[in-house]
Amino acid sequence: MPATVIARPDESPEELLKRFRKQVAKAGILSAVKRKRWYISKSELRRIKKKKAIRRLRRKLRKRMMQQQRRR
């Protein structure tokens, strides 16, 4: 769905542009465009997701270990 903004009475162009940018960011349009810039095969996507999940898990475990060390 395209992001559209309608100018309000007595609204400056800067404010209008700011609202438009906020809507575009909230809709995730730019991130989708960046993501679809190149073709990535499904197997590659799975590999990337798995890598990210492992990284998230390691970060979570590291955080827990730090909290346990502080309690001692």
C-alpha atoms as a PDB file:
ATOM      1  CA  MET A   1       0.000   0.000   0.000  1.00  0.00           C
ATOM      2  CA  PRO A   2       1.531   3.332  -0.983  1.00  0.00           C
ATOM      3  CA  ALA A   3       2.131   5.944   1.683  1.00  0.00           C
ATOM      4  CA  THR A   4       0.150   9.102   1.081  1.00  0.00           C
ATOM      5  CA  VAL A   5      -0.189  12.265   3.107  1.00  0.00           C
ATOM      6  CA  ILE A   6      -2.593  15.139   2.618  1.00  0.00           C
ATOM      7  CA  ALA A   7      -1.413  18.627   3.496  1.00  0.00           C
ATOM      8  CA  ARG A   8      -3.110  20.087   6.527  1.00  0.00           C
ATOM      9  CA  PRO A   9      -4.092  23.754   6.634  1.00  0.00           C
ATOM     10  CA  ASP A  10      -1.137  25.988   7.551  1.00  0.00           C
ATOM     11  CA  GLU A  11       1.307  23.027   7.409  1.00  0.00           C
ATOM     12  CA  SER A  12       4.806  23.746   6.171  1.00  0.00           C
ATOM     13  CA  PRO A  13       6.374  21.561   3.463  1.00  0.00           C
ATOM     14  CA  GLU A  14       8.999  20.412   5.989  1.00  0.00           C
ATOM     15  CA  GLU A  15       6.309  19.115   8.355  1.00  0.00           C
ATOM     16  CA  LEU A  16       4.515  17.416   5.483  1.00  0.00           C
ATOM     17  CA  LEU A  17       7.721  15.732   4.359  1.00  0.00           C
ATOM     18  CA  LYS A  18       8.437  14.664   7.948  1.00  0.00           C
ATOM     19  CA  ARG A  19       4.998  13.014   8.230  1.00  0.00           C
ATOM     20  CA  PHE A  20       5.505  11.295   4.874  1.00  0.00           C
ATOM     21  CA  ARG A  21       8.902   9.917   5.887  1.00  0.00           C
ATOM     22  CA  LYS A  22       7.436   8.657   9.160  1.00  0.00           C
ATOM     23  CA  GLN A  23       4.649   6.843   7.289  1.00  0.00           C
ATOM     24  CA  VAL A  24       7.123   5.286   4.835  1.00  0.00           C
ATOM     25  CA  ALA A  25       9.303   4.072   7.715  1.00  0.00           C
ATOM     26  CA  LYS A  26       6.312   2.670   9.605  1.00  0.00           C
ATOM     27  CA  ALA A  27       5.059   0.837   6.507  1.00  0.00           C
ATOM     28  CA  GLY A  28       8.502  -0.709   5.991  1.00  0.00           C
ATOM     29  CA  ILE A  29       8.641   0.300   2.330  1.00  0.00           C
ATOM     30  CA  LEU A  30      12.340   1.189   2.232  1.00  0.00           C
ATOM     31  CA  SER A  31      13.426  -1.958   4.061  1.00  0.00           C
ATOM     32  CA  ALA A  32      11.378  -4.060   1.622  1.00  0.00           C
ATOM     33  CA  VAL A  33      12.979  -2.322  -1.355  1.00  0.00           C
ATOM     34  CA  LYS A  34      16.472  -2.837   0.056  1.00  0.00           C
ATOM     35  CA  ARG A  35      15.714  -6.484   0.786  1.00  0.00           C
ATOM     36  CA  LYS A  36      14.379  -7.123  -2.717  1.00  0.00           C
ATOM     37  CA  ARG A  37      17.204  -5.318  -4.457  1.00  0.00           C
ATOM     38  CA  TRP A  38      18.901  -8.631  -5.249  1.00  0.00           C
ATOM     39  CA  TYR A  39      17.452 -12.098  -5.702  1.00  0.00           C
ATOM     40  CA  ILE A  40      18.184 -14.466  -2.834  1.00  0.00           C
ATOM     41  CA  SER A  41      17.309 -18.128  -3.214  1.00  0.00           C
ATOM     42  CA  LYS A  42      15.149 -19.852  -0.609  1.00  0.00           C
ATOM     43  CA  SER A  43      18.017 -22.009   0.579  1.00  0.00           C
ATOM     44  CA  GLU A  44      20.144 -18.902   1.080  1.00  0.00           C
ATOM     45  CA  LEU A  45      17.298 -17.242   3.024  1.00  0.00           C
ATOM     46  CA  ARG A  46      17.030 -20.298   5.286  1.00  0.00           C
ATOM     47  CA  ARG A  47      20.781 -20.241   5.873  1.00  0.00           C
ATOM     48  CA  ILE A  48      20.709 -16.525   6.743  1.00  0.00           C
ATOM     49  CA  LYS A  49      17.730 -16.961   9.107  1.00  0.00           C
ATOM     50  CA  LYS A  50      19.445 -19.867  10.844  1.00  0.00           C
ATOM     51  CA  LYS A  51      22.624 -17.814  11.249  1.00  0.00           C
ATOM     52  CA  LYS A  52      20.642 -14.909  12.737  1.00  0.00           C
ATOM     53  CA  ALA A  53      18.793 -17.233  15.117  1.00  0.00           C
ATOM     54  CA  ILE A  54      22.092 -18.690  16.354  1.00  0.00           C
ATOM     55  CA  ARG A  55      23.483 -15.198  16.861  1.00  0.00           C
ATOM     56  CA  ARG A  56      20.340 -14.171  18.806  1.00  0.00           C
ATOM     57  CA  LEU A  57      20.577 -17.275  20.996  1.00  0.00           C
ATOM     58  CA  ARG A  58      24.266 -16.694  21.752  1.00  0.00           C
ATOM     59  CA  ARG A  59      23.547 -13.079  22.662  1.00  0.00           C
ATOM     60  CA  LYS A  60      20.719 -14.175  24.955  1.00  0.00           C
ATOM     61  CA  LEU A  61      22.893 -16.803  26.651  1.00  0.00           C
ATOM     62  CA  ARG A  62      25.745 -14.327  27.072  1.00  0.00           C
ATOM     63  CA  LYS A  63      23.342 -11.867  28.696  1.00  0.00           C
ATOM     64  CA  ARG A  64      22.081 -14.532  31.114  1.00  0.00           C
ATOM     65  CA  MET A  65      25.622 -15.537  32.047  1.00  0.00           C
ATOM     66  CA  MET A  66      26.498 -11.920  32.805  1.00  0.00           C
ATOM     67  CA  GLN A  67      23.423 -11.552  35.008  1.00  0.00           C
ATOM     68  CA  GLN A  68      24.282 -14.742  36.925  1.00  0.00           C
ATOM     69  CA  GLN A  69      27.843 -13.562  37.494  1.00  0.00           C
ATOM     70  CA  ARG A  70      26.584 -10.240  38.878  1.00  0.00           C
ATOM     71  CA  ARG A  71      24.341 -12.030  41.387  1.00  0.00           C
ATOM     72  CA  ARG A  72      27.270 -13.923  42.910  1.00  0.00           C
END
